[in-house]
């Protein structure tokens, strides 16, 4: 068993077989944020862009205008619109940085293994063999599990036989491909049950913005080989989930890891 539980329902994870330390490992995040590692292993800013921007939307607390705060309380709709506008602006800035640092990220030395996580819970950046990855792969896995839990509700699964995983792929090119395939699209083997295709059947095929983190040209060509799929409405699949649950699920399952919600934001 990988999880221990005692009589007062305290839970502890006891299997760290796939756990690894990333202390001192240069990451794509450093490159995007304009940081560098010195000999002391301390991380410093290299003085890249002049503008201040936090990729994880974490900003220092500020003493705001009391009148402005009162107006926001009186007009929550306006507050939500401002948040949405800021989110889109931040997202656009992340995309620009990803495009600008593509060659640097592509030429990084791989320091983490490329084949991790059980297929059904494997994040897109792992499937596409990106050299660098981080906590966002775990957020994706949590999203897959969260979807399964929603699927266990009586409104969605009357009996246990109706329960199923969110992305039950039967192969995962190129990590664990189906070697019996004969169909090809744009030179790449294609299977309707391949892991990425199963993901796209739910999330829709990724946009250029979604693909902006991908550094390998072959991986981009592979993504372009998939047929267009629209995004499904999760509220139709998980009718008992509620609006907040659907919002969280969508934030977990962002194709681009840099757009995915962080653990701190989840909490």
C-alpha atoms as a PDB file:
ATOM      1  CA  UNK A   1       0.000   0.000   0.000  1.00  0.00           C
ATOM      2  CA  UNK A   2       1.238   3.527  -0.814  1.00  0.00           C
ATOM      3  CA  UNK A   3      -0.966   5.359   1.707  1.00  0.00           C
ATOM      4  CA  UNK A   4      -1.180   4.853   5.458  1.00  0.00           C
ATOM      5  CA  UNK A   5      -4.264   5.809   7.457  1.00  0.00           C
ATOM      6  CA  UNK A   6      -4.928   5.480  11.188  1.00  0.00           C
ATOM      7  CA  UNK A   7      -8.091   5.424  13.309  1.00  0.00           C
ATOM      8  CA  UNK A   8      -8.440   9.219  13.437  1.00  0.00           C
ATOM      9  CA  UNK A   9      -8.188   9.352   9.625  1.00  0.00           C
ATOM     10  CA  UNK A  10      -4.698  10.876   9.553  1.00  0.00           C
ATOM     11  CA  UNK A  11      -3.206  10.076   6.164  1.00  0.00           C
ATOM     12  CA  UNK A  12       0.467   9.709   5.236  1.00  0.00           C
ATOM     13  CA  UNK A  13       2.022   8.959   1.864  1.00  0.00           C
ATOM     14  CA  UNK A  14       4.657   6.260   2.327  1.00  0.00           C
ATOM     15  CA  UNK A  15       5.923   5.412  -1.178  1.00  0.00           C
ATOM     16  CA  UNK A  16       8.341   7.917  -2.710  1.00  0.00           C
ATOM     17  CA  UNK A  17       9.693   5.598  -5.381  1.00  0.00           C
ATOM     18  CA  UNK A  18       9.247   8.190  -8.148  1.00  0.00           C
ATOM     19  CA  UNK A  19      10.061  11.226  -5.997  1.00  0.00           C
ATOM     20  CA  UNK A  20      13.112  13.262  -6.908  1.00  0.00           C
ATOM     21  CA  UNK A  21      14.841  16.402  -5.602  1.00  0.00           C
ATOM     22  CA  UNK A  22      15.184  19.302  -8.020  1.00  0.00           C
ATOM     23  CA  UNK A  23      17.362  21.412  -5.710  1.00  0.00           C
ATOM     24  CA  UNK A  24      20.054  23.116  -7.774  1.00  0.00           C
ATOM     25  CA  UNK A  25      18.685  21.782 -11.073  1.00  0.00           C
ATOM     26  CA  UNK A  26      18.422  24.495 -13.702  1.00  0.00           C
ATOM     27  CA  UNK A  27      14.824  24.750 -14.837  1.00  0.00           C
ATOM     28  CA  UNK A  28      12.983  26.344 -17.738  1.00  0.00           C
ATOM     29  CA  UNK A  29      11.227  28.477 -15.134  1.00  0.00           C
ATOM     30  CA  UNK A  30      14.545  30.176 -14.345  1.00  0.00           C
ATOM     31  CA  UNK A  31      15.111  30.941 -18.009  1.00  0.00           C
ATOM     32  CA  UNK A  32      11.615  32.354 -18.464  1.00  0.00           C
ATOM     33  CA  UNK A  33      11.889  34.492 -15.340  1.00  0.00           C
ATOM     34  CA  UNK A  34      15.378  35.706 -16.280  1.00  0.00           C
ATOM     35  CA  UNK A  35      17.232  33.989 -13.432  1.00  0.00           C
ATOM     36  CA  UNK A  36      20.608  32.293 -13.348  1.00  0.00           C
ATOM     37  CA  UNK A  37      22.370  29.916 -10.984  1.00  0.00           C
ATOM     38  CA  UNK A  38      25.704  31.003  -9.527  1.00  0.00           C
ATOM     39  CA  UNK A  39      28.448  28.758  -8.137  1.00  0.00           C
ATOM     40  CA  UNK A  40      26.981  29.023  -4.658  1.00  0.00           C
ATOM     41  CA  UNK A  41      23.758  27.442  -5.984  1.00  0.00           C
ATOM     42  CA  UNK A  42      21.933  30.620  -5.045  1.00  0.00           C
ATOM     43  CA  UNK A  43      19.394  31.798  -7.585  1.00  0.00           C
ATOM     44  CA  UNK A  44      19.695  35.419  -8.703  1.00  0.00           C
ATOM     45  CA  UNK A  45      18.034  37.562 -11.333  1.00  0.00           C
ATOM     46  CA  UNK A  46      20.113  38.064 -14.455  1.00  0.00           C
ATOM     47  CA  UNK A  47      18.505  41.400 -15.226  1.00  0.00           C
ATOM     48  CA  UNK A  48      16.510  40.238 -18.240  1.00  0.00           C
ATOM     49  CA  UNK A  49      13.333  42.192 -18.741  1.00  0.00           C
ATOM     50  CA  UNK A  50      12.929  45.468 -16.937  1.00  0.00           C
ATOM     51  CA  UNK A  51       9.244  45.009 -16.202  1.00  0.00           C
ATOM     52  CA  UNK A  52       8.294  43.109 -13.068  1.00  0.00           C
ATOM     53  CA  UNK A  53       6.097  40.115 -13.709  1.00  0.00           C
ATOM     54  CA  UNK A  54       5.261  37.094 -11.589  1.00  0.00           C
ATOM     55  CA  UNK A  55       4.518  33.989 -13.639  1.00  0.00           C
ATOM     56  CA  UNK A  56       2.613  32.425 -10.791  1.00  0.00           C
ATOM     57  CA  UNK A  57       0.466  35.502 -10.177  1.00  0.00           C
ATOM     58  CA  UNK A  58       1.975  35.925  -6.703  1.00  0.00           C
ATOM     59  CA  UNK A  59       2.285  39.599  -5.863  1.00  0.00           C
ATOM     60  CA  UNK A  60       3.405  41.344  -2.657  1.00  0.00           C
ATOM     61  CA  UNK A  61       0.662  42.731  -0.471  1.00  0.00           C
ATOM     62  CA  UNK A  62       0.024  46.424  -0.915  1.00  0.00           C
ATOM     63  CA  UNK A  63      -1.917  49.008   1.045  1.00  0.00           C
ATOM     64  CA  UNK A  64      -4.673  49.893  -1.383  1.00  0.00           C
ATOM     65  CA  UNK A  65      -7.069  52.782  -1.617  1.00  0.00           C
ATOM     66  CA  UNK A  66      -9.854  52.181   0.939  1.00  0.00           C
ATOM     67  CA  UNK A  67     -12.390  53.918  -1.285  1.00  0.00           C
ATOM     68  CA  UNK A  68     -11.392  51.724  -4.227  1.00  0.00           C
ATOM     69  CA  UNK A  69     -11.738  48.586  -2.110  1.00  0.00           C
ATOM     70  CA  UNK A  70     -15.202  49.681  -0.987  1.00  0.00           C
ATOM     71  CA  UNK A  71     -16.232  50.236  -4.606  1.00  0.00           C
ATOM     72  CA  UNK A  72     -15.113  46.723  -5.473  1.00  0.00           C
ATOM     73  CA  UNK A  73     -17.220  45.305  -2.667  1.00  0.00           C
ATOM     74  CA  UNK A  74     -20.198  47.234  -3.972  1.00  0.00           C
ATOM     75  CA  UNK A  75     -19.629  46.081  -7.536  1.00  0.00           C
ATOM     76  CA  UNK A  76     -18.414  42.445  -7.493  1.00  0.00           C
ATOM     77  CA  UNK A  77     -19.142  42.090 -11.222  1.00  0.00           C
ATOM     78  CA  UNK A  78     -16.662  44.845 -12.004  1.00  0.00           C
ATOM     79  CA  UNK A  79     -14.110  43.203  -9.732  1.00  0.00           C
ATOM     80  CA  UNK A  80     -14.503  39.883 -11.569  1.00  0.00           C
ATOM     81  CA  UNK A  81     -14.130  41.609 -14.936  1.00  0.00           C
ATOM     82  CA  UNK A  82     -10.912  43.280 -13.766  1.00  0.00           C
ATOM     83  CA  UNK A  83      -9.549  39.958 -12.530  1.00  0.00           C
ATOM     84  CA  UNK A  84     -10.402  38.286 -15.835  1.00  0.00           C
ATOM     85  CA  UNK A  85      -8.726  41.101 -17.784  1.00  0.00           C
ATOM     86  CA  UNK A  86      -5.585  40.857 -15.630  1.00  0.00           C
ATOM     87  CA  UNK A  87      -5.520  37.082 -16.049  1.00  0.00           C
ATOM     88  CA  UNK A  88      -5.643  37.414 -19.843  1.00  0.00           C
ATOM     89  CA  UNK A  89      -2.916  40.057 -19.765  1.00  0.00           C
ATOM     90  CA  UNK A  90      -0.686  37.817 -17.622  1.00  0.00           C
ATOM     91  CA  UNK A  91      -1.395  34.860 -19.884  1.00  0.00           C
ATOM     92  CA  UNK A  92      -0.362  36.883 -22.943  1.00  0.00           C
ATOM     93  CA  UNK A  93       2.849  37.921 -21.179  1.00  0.00           C
ATOM     94  CA  UNK A  94       3.667  34.295 -20.332  1.00  0.00           C
ATOM     95  CA  UNK A  95       3.158  33.319 -23.979  1.00  0.00           C
ATOM     96  CA  UNK A  96       5.525  36.087 -25.133  1.00  0.00           C
ATOM     97  CA  UNK A  97       8.188  34.920 -22.700  1.00  0.00           C
ATOM     98  CA  UNK A  98       7.768  31.300 -23.765  1.00  0.00           C
ATOM     99  CA  UNK A  99       8.218  32.270 -27.422  1.00  0.00           C
ATOM    100  CA  UNK A 100      11.203  34.491 -26.602  1.00  0.00           C
ATOM    101  CA  UNK A 101      13.002  31.777 -24.603  1.00  0.00           C
ATOM    102  CA  UNK A 102      12.156  28.821 -26.845  1.00  0.00           C
ATOM    103  CA  UNK A 103      15.708  28.240 -28.137  1.00  0.00           C
ATOM    104  CA  UNK A 104      17.231  28.555 -24.670  1.00  0.00           C
ATOM    105  CA  UNK A 105      14.768  26.036 -23.262  1.00  0.00           C
ATOM    106  CA  UNK A 106      15.286  23.717 -26.223  1.00  0.00           C
ATOM    107  CA  UNK A 107      19.062  23.664 -25.667  1.00  0.00           C
ATOM    108  CA  UNK A 108      18.799  22.851 -21.977  1.00  0.00           C
ATOM    109  CA  UNK A 109      20.544  19.706 -20.765  1.00  0.00           C
ATOM    110  CA  UNK A 110      18.017  17.082 -19.672  1.00  0.00           C
ATOM    111  CA  UNK A 111      18.498  16.441 -15.955  1.00  0.00           C
ATOM    112  CA  UNK A 112      15.189  14.725 -15.140  1.00  0.00           C
ATOM    113  CA  UNK A 113      13.981  11.399 -16.510  1.00  0.00           C
ATOM    114  CA  UNK A 114      11.612  11.622 -19.469  1.00  0.00           C
ATOM    115  CA  UNK A 115       9.405   8.625 -18.652  1.00  0.00           C
ATOM    116  CA  UNK A 116       7.390   9.172 -15.483  1.00  0.00           C
ATOM    117  CA  UNK A 117       3.794   8.928 -14.248  1.00  0.00           C
ATOM    118  CA  UNK A 118       1.226   6.270 -15.112  1.00  0.00           C
ATOM    119  CA  UNK A 119      -0.120   6.834 -18.637  1.00  0.00           C
ATOM    120  CA  UNK A 120      -3.656   7.944 -17.735  1.00  0.00           C
ATOM    121  CA  UNK A 121      -2.289  10.638 -15.413  1.00  0.00           C
ATOM    122  CA  UNK A 122       0.668  11.779 -17.534  1.00  0.00           C
ATOM    123  CA  UNK A 123       0.808  15.506 -18.301  1.00  0.00           C
ATOM    124  CA  UNK A 124       1.156  16.721 -21.919  1.00  0.00           C
ATOM    125  CA  UNK A 125       4.668  18.118 -21.348  1.00  0.00           C
ATOM    126  CA  UNK A 126       5.841  14.607 -20.402  1.00  0.00           C
ATOM    127  CA  UNK A 127       4.148  13.004 -23.395  1.00  0.00           C
ATOM    128  CA  UNK A 128       5.812  15.551 -25.690  1.00  0.00           C
ATOM    129  CA  UNK A 129       9.236  14.828 -24.111  1.00  0.00           C
ATOM    130  CA  UNK A 130       9.967  18.342 -22.876  1.00  0.00           C
ATOM    131  CA  UNK A 131      13.417  18.410 -21.262  1.00  0.00           C
ATOM    132  CA  UNK A 132      12.185  20.252 -18.210  1.00  0.00           C
ATOM    133  CA  UNK A 133       9.111  19.853 -16.058  1.00  0.00           C
ATOM    134  CA  UNK A 134       8.037  20.712 -12.535  1.00  0.00           C
ATOM    135  CA  UNK A 135       5.184  20.585 -10.005  1.00  0.00           C
ATOM    136  CA  UNK A 136       2.685  21.281 -12.800  1.00  0.00           C
ATOM    137  CA  UNK A 137       2.833  17.590 -13.799  1.00  0.00           C
ATOM    138  CA  UNK A 138       1.430  16.703 -10.379  1.00  0.00           C
ATOM    139  CA  UNK A 139      -1.303  19.332 -10.735  1.00  0.00           C
ATOM    140  CA  UNK A 140      -2.356  17.656 -13.996  1.00  0.00           C
ATOM    141  CA  UNK A 141      -2.470  14.263 -12.267  1.00  0.00           C
ATOM    142  CA  UNK A 142      -4.558  15.745  -9.447  1.00  0.00           C
ATOM    143  CA  UNK A 143      -6.950  17.084 -12.081  1.00  0.00           C
ATOM    144  CA  UNK A 144      -7.317  13.617 -13.602  1.00  0.00           C
ATOM    145  CA  UNK A 145      -8.075  12.137 -10.170  1.00  0.00           C
ATOM    146  CA  UNK A 146     -10.468  14.987  -9.358  1.00  0.00           C
ATOM    147  CA  UNK A 147     -12.355  14.225 -12.566  1.00  0.00           C
ATOM    148  CA  UNK A 148     -12.622  10.575 -11.555  1.00  0.00           C
ATOM    149  CA  UNK A 149     -13.964  11.541  -8.134  1.00  0.00           C
ATOM    150  CA  UNK A 150     -16.603  13.754  -9.760  1.00  0.00           C
ATOM    151  CA  UNK A 151     -17.475  10.813 -11.981  1.00  0.00           C
ATOM    152  CA  UNK A 152     -18.197   8.688  -8.903  1.00  0.00           C
ATOM    153  CA  UNK A 153     -21.110  10.887  -7.824  1.00  0.00           C
ATOM    154  CA  UNK A 154     -24.498   9.201  -8.105  1.00  0.00           C
ATOM    155  CA  UNK A 155     -25.669  11.817 -10.599  1.00  0.00           C
ATOM    156  CA  UNK A 156     -22.873  10.711 -12.929  1.00  0.00           C
ATOM    157  CA  UNK A 157     -22.428   7.023 -12.132  1.00  0.00           C
ATOM    158  CA  UNK A 158     -25.529   5.224 -10.835  1.00  0.00           C
ATOM    159  CA  UNK A 159     -23.485   2.064 -10.136  1.00  0.00           C
ATOM    160  CA  UNK A 160     -19.803   1.307  -9.612  1.00  0.00           C
ATOM    161  CA  UNK A 161     -19.757  -0.288 -13.071  1.00  0.00           C
ATOM    162  CA  UNK A 162     -20.364   3.150 -14.579  1.00  0.00           C
ATOM    163  CA  UNK A 163     -17.241   4.633 -13.026  1.00  0.00           C
ATOM    164  CA  UNK A 164     -14.266   5.244 -15.341  1.00  0.00           C
ATOM    165  CA  UNK A 165     -11.011   7.206 -15.560  1.00  0.00           C
ATOM    166  CA  UNK A 166     -10.976  10.599 -17.244  1.00  0.00           C
ATOM    167  CA  UNK A 167      -8.324   9.879 -19.906  1.00  0.00           C
ATOM    168  CA  UNK A 168      -8.074   6.076 -20.400  1.00  0.00           C
ATOM    169  CA  UNK A 169      -5.562   5.956 -23.263  1.00  0.00           C
ATOM    170  CA  UNK A 170      -4.400   2.551 -24.504  1.00  0.00           C
ATOM    171  CA  UNK A 171      -1.048   3.726 -25.864  1.00  0.00           C
ATOM    172  CA  UNK A 172       1.135   6.809 -25.594  1.00  0.00           C
ATOM    173  CA  UNK A 173       3.335   7.707 -28.549  1.00  0.00           C
ATOM    174  CA  UNK A 174       6.330   7.943 -28.401  1.00  0.00           C
ATOM    175  CA  UNK A 175       6.842   6.630 -24.828  1.00  0.00           C
ATOM    176  CA  UNK A 176       4.695   3.496 -25.114  1.00  0.00           C
ATOM    177  CA  UNK A 177       3.376   3.380 -28.694  1.00  0.00           C
ATOM    178  CA  UNK A 178       1.051   0.868 -30.283  1.00  0.00           C
ATOM    179  CA  UNK A 179       3.454  -0.938 -32.607  1.00  0.00           C
ATOM    180  CA  UNK A 180       0.637  -2.583 -34.570  1.00  0.00           C
ATOM    181  CA  UNK A 181      -0.697   0.673 -35.991  1.00  0.00           C
ATOM    182  CA  UNK A 182      -1.011   1.066 -39.749  1.00  0.00           C
ATOM    183  CA  UNK A 183      -2.750   4.452 -39.949  1.00  0.00           C
ATOM    184  CA  UNK A 184      -0.586   7.548 -40.267  1.00  0.00           C
ATOM    185  CA  UNK A 185      -1.312  11.270 -40.278  1.00  0.00           C
ATOM    186  CA  UNK A 186       1.319  13.645 -41.649  1.00  0.00           C
ATOM    187  CA  UNK A 187       3.914  10.913 -41.234  1.00  0.00           C
ATOM    188  CA  UNK A 188       3.098  10.120 -37.607  1.00  0.00           C
ATOM    189  CA  UNK A 189       1.361   6.936 -36.349  1.00  0.00           C
ATOM    190  CA  UNK A 190      -2.217   7.667 -35.357  1.00  0.00           C
ATOM    191  CA  UNK A 191      -4.570   5.870 -32.994  1.00  0.00           C
ATOM    192  CA  UNK A 192      -7.954   7.049 -31.756  1.00  0.00           C
ATOM    193  CA  UNK A 193      -7.089   5.506 -28.372  1.00  0.00           C
ATOM    194  CA  UNK A 194      -3.668   7.134 -28.026  1.00  0.00           C
ATOM    195  CA  UNK A 195      -3.311   9.145 -24.812  1.00  0.00           C
ATOM    196  CA  UNK A 196      -3.081  12.578 -26.450  1.00  0.00           C
ATOM    197  CA  UNK A 197      -6.069  11.891 -28.684  1.00  0.00           C
ATOM    198  CA  UNK A 198      -8.131  10.828 -25.658  1.00  0.00           C
ATOM    199  CA  UNK A 199      -7.136  14.086 -23.943  1.00  0.00           C
ATOM    200  CA  UNK A 200      -8.094  16.133 -27.010  1.00  0.00           C
ATOM    201  CA  UNK A 201     -11.497  14.446 -27.187  1.00  0.00           C
ATOM    202  CA  UNK A 202     -12.266  16.088 -23.830  1.00  0.00           C
ATOM    203  CA  UNK A 203     -10.187  19.286 -23.820  1.00  0.00           C
ATOM    204  CA  UNK A 204     -10.243  19.997 -27.540  1.00  0.00           C
ATOM    205  CA  UNK A 205      -7.157  20.323 -29.752  1.00  0.00           C
ATOM    206  CA  UNK A 206      -4.682  22.869 -28.360  1.00  0.00           C
ATOM    207  CA  UNK A 207      -4.466  26.432 -29.667  1.00  0.00           C
ATOM    208  CA  UNK A 208      -1.209  28.164 -30.633  1.00  0.00           C
ATOM    209  CA  UNK A 209      -1.241  29.738 -27.180  1.00  0.00           C
ATOM    210  CA  UNK A 210      -1.598  26.310 -25.564  1.00  0.00           C
ATOM    211  CA  UNK A 211       1.338  24.972 -27.600  1.00  0.00           C
ATOM    212  CA  UNK A 212       3.656  27.901 -26.856  1.00  0.00           C
ATOM    213  CA  UNK A 213       5.595  25.907 -24.226  1.00  0.00           C
ATOM    214  CA  UNK A 214       6.646  23.185 -26.717  1.00  0.00           C
ATOM    215  CA  UNK A 215      10.307  23.509 -27.769  1.00  0.00           C
ATOM    216  CA  UNK A 216      10.739  20.587 -30.182  1.00  0.00           C
ATOM    217  CA  UNK A 217       9.688  21.165 -33.793  1.00  0.00           C
ATOM    218  CA  UNK A 218       8.866  17.478 -34.323  1.00  0.00           C
ATOM    219  CA  UNK A 219       6.531  17.592 -31.307  1.00  0.00           C
ATOM    220  CA  UNK A 220       4.754  20.622 -32.813  1.00  0.00           C
ATOM    221  CA  UNK A 221       4.370  18.797 -36.130  1.00  0.00           C
ATOM    222  CA  UNK A 222       3.000  15.796 -34.245  1.00  0.00           C
ATOM    223  CA  UNK A 223       0.397  17.984 -32.528  1.00  0.00           C
ATOM    224  CA  UNK A 224      -0.640  19.431 -35.886  1.00  0.00           C
ATOM    225  CA  UNK A 225      -1.318  15.889 -37.151  1.00  0.00           C
ATOM    226  CA  UNK A 226      -4.301  15.434 -34.828  1.00  0.00           C
ATOM    227  CA  UNK A 227      -7.799  16.084 -36.198  1.00  0.00           C
ATOM    228  CA  UNK A 228      -9.636  19.130 -34.850  1.00  0.00           C
ATOM    229  CA  UNK A 229     -11.707  18.369 -31.752  1.00  0.00           C
ATOM    230  CA  UNK A 230     -13.999  20.770 -29.866  1.00  0.00           C
ATOM    231  CA  UNK A 231     -13.784  21.100 -26.092  1.00  0.00           C
ATOM    232  CA  UNK A 232     -16.521  19.290 -24.190  1.00  0.00           C
ATOM    233  CA  UNK A 233     -18.627  20.956 -21.511  1.00  0.00           C
ATOM    234  CA  UNK A 234     -17.602  19.221 -18.267  1.00  0.00           C
ATOM    235  CA  UNK A 235     -20.795  20.402 -16.588  1.00  0.00           C
ATOM    236  CA  UNK A 236     -22.672  18.131 -18.999  1.00  0.00           C
ATOM    237  CA  UNK A 237     -20.492  15.165 -18.056  1.00  0.00           C
ATOM    238  CA  UNK A 238     -20.430  15.847 -14.315  1.00  0.00           C
ATOM    239  CA  UNK A 239     -23.926  17.153 -13.711  1.00  0.00           C
ATOM    240  CA  UNK A 240     -23.655  16.994  -9.918  1.00  0.00           C
ATOM    241  CA  UNK A 241     -20.308  18.776  -9.736  1.00  0.00           C
ATOM    242  CA  UNK A 242     -21.356  22.392  -9.373  1.00  0.00           C
ATOM    243  CA  UNK A 243     -19.918  25.561 -10.882  1.00  0.00           C
ATOM    244  CA  UNK A 244     -16.895  25.853  -8.552  1.00  0.00           C
ATOM    245  CA  UNK A 245     -15.869  22.236  -9.130  1.00  0.00           C
ATOM    246  CA  UNK A 246     -16.031  22.723 -12.905  1.00  0.00           C
ATOM    247  CA  UNK A 247     -13.940  25.880 -12.633  1.00  0.00           C
ATOM    248  CA  UNK A 248     -11.275  24.092 -10.578  1.00  0.00           C
ATOM    249  CA  UNK A 249     -11.225  21.104 -12.931  1.00  0.00           C
ATOM    250  CA  UNK A 250     -10.651  23.418 -15.879  1.00  0.00           C
ATOM    251  CA  UNK A 251      -7.753  25.102 -14.075  1.00  0.00           C
ATOM    252  CA  UNK A 252      -6.178  21.733 -13.235  1.00  0.00           C
ATOM    253  CA  UNK A 253      -6.388  20.500 -16.817  1.00  0.00           C
ATOM    254  CA  UNK A 254      -4.687  23.309 -18.717  1.00  0.00           C
ATOM    255  CA  UNK A 255      -2.691  21.847 -21.635  1.00  0.00           C
ATOM    256  CA  UNK A 256       0.033  24.463 -21.177  1.00  0.00           C
ATOM    257  CA  UNK A 257       1.766  23.824 -17.808  1.00  0.00           C
ATOM    258  CA  UNK A 258       2.491  27.545 -17.403  1.00  0.00           C
ATOM    259  CA  UNK A 259      -1.241  28.294 -17.497  1.00  0.00           C
ATOM    260  CA  UNK A 260      -2.093  25.572 -14.985  1.00  0.00           C
ATOM    261  CA  UNK A 261      -3.173  26.500 -11.453  1.00  0.00           C
ATOM    262  CA  UNK A 262      -0.456  26.117  -8.788  1.00  0.00           C
ATOM    263  CA  UNK A 263      -0.743  24.091  -5.593  1.00  0.00           C
ATOM    264  CA  UNK A 264      -0.716  27.281  -3.511  1.00  0.00           C
ATOM    265  CA  UNK A 265      -3.557  28.713  -5.589  1.00  0.00           C
ATOM    266  CA  UNK A 266      -5.522  25.483  -5.138  1.00  0.00           C
ATOM    267  CA  UNK A 267      -5.258  25.778  -1.378  1.00  0.00           C
END
